[in-house]
Amino acid sequence: MNNLEITAYKAFVAHRKAFDTWENGNIDKVWLDDNKNICIKYTSGKWWHYSVSQSGDWMWW
């Protein structure tokens, strides 16, 4: 795994942990957007942007 994949996996774990039931599957594709936010597409077809807040918490939108 490269650094982007490792960081994406950490984002995925935090996002998945926020739900009682995770229905989006596993990571399908990872990339950086123009603002250098990590984007993750899941096997469900849904995708989110991710970044870390100043307090160190993962955020997604």
Protein backbone atom coordinates (compact mmCIF):
# COMPACT_ATOMS: atom_id res chain seq x y z
CA MET A 1 0.00 0.00 0.00
CA ASN A 2 1.18 3.53 -0.71
CA ASN A 3 0.68 6.48 1.67
CA LEU A 4 -2.55 7.60 -0.02
CA GLU A 5 -4.04 4.11 0.29
CA ILE A 6 -3.02 3.87 3.95
CA THR A 7 -4.55 7.26 4.74
CA ALA A 8 -7.70 6.36 2.79
CA TYR A 9 -8.02 3.18 4.80
CA LYS A 10 -7.83 5.19 8.05
CA ALA A 11 -10.59 7.50 6.74
CA PHE A 12 -12.68 4.48 5.75
CA VAL A 13 -12.33 2.91 9.21
CA ALA A 14 -13.38 6.16 10.93
CA HIS A 15 -16.35 6.64 8.58
CA ARG A 16 -17.51 3.03 8.93
CA LYS A 17 -17.21 3.22 12.73
CA ALA A 18 -19.65 6.16 12.78
CA PHE A 19 -22.48 3.89 11.58
CA ASP A 20 -24.24 0.98 13.25
CA THR A 21 -24.58 -0.66 9.83
CA TRP A 22 -22.18 0.19 7.00
CA GLU A 23 -23.89 -0.42 3.65
CA ASN A 24 -21.32 1.03 1.24
CA GLY A 25 -18.98 -1.91 0.90
CA ASN A 26 -15.23 -1.64 0.66
CA ILE A 27 -12.95 0.88 -0.99
CA ASP A 28 -13.13 0.70 -4.78
CA LYS A 29 -11.11 3.77 -5.83
CA VAL A 30 -9.05 6.48 -4.09
CA TRP A 31 -7.92 9.86 -5.47
CA LEU A 32 -7.13 13.44 -4.45
CA ASP A 33 -9.43 16.25 -5.53
CA ASP A 34 -8.16 19.66 -6.70
CA ASN A 35 -7.97 20.85 -3.07
CA LYS A 36 -5.92 17.80 -2.02
CA ASN A 37 -8.82 16.20 -0.11
CA ILE A 38 -8.90 12.42 -0.24
CA CYS A 39 -11.86 11.04 -2.18
CA ILE A 40 -13.00 7.47 -1.73
CA LYS A 41 -15.46 5.62 -3.94
CA TYR A 42 -16.94 2.47 -2.42
CA THR A 43 -18.21 -0.70 -4.05
CA SER A 44 -21.75 0.64 -3.53
CA GLY A 45 -20.95 3.36 -6.09
CA LYS A 46 -21.18 6.13 -3.49
CA TRP A 47 -18.19 8.33 -2.74
CA TRP A 48 -17.13 11.04 -0.27
CA HIS A 49 -14.44 13.65 0.25
CA TYR A 50 -12.38 13.27 3.45
CA SER A 51 -10.11 15.51 5.50
CA VAL A 52 -8.95 15.80 9.09
CA SER A 53 -10.21 18.67 11.28
CA GLN A 54 -7.90 20.85 13.33
CA SER A 55 -8.85 18.76 16.37
CA GLY A 56 -7.72 15.59 14.55
CA ASP A 57 -11.14 14.12 13.76
CA TRP A 58 -12.03 12.77 10.33
CA MET A 59 -14.66 14.73 8.39
CA TRP A 60 -16.51 13.58 5.28
CA TRP A 61 -18.94 15.20 2.90
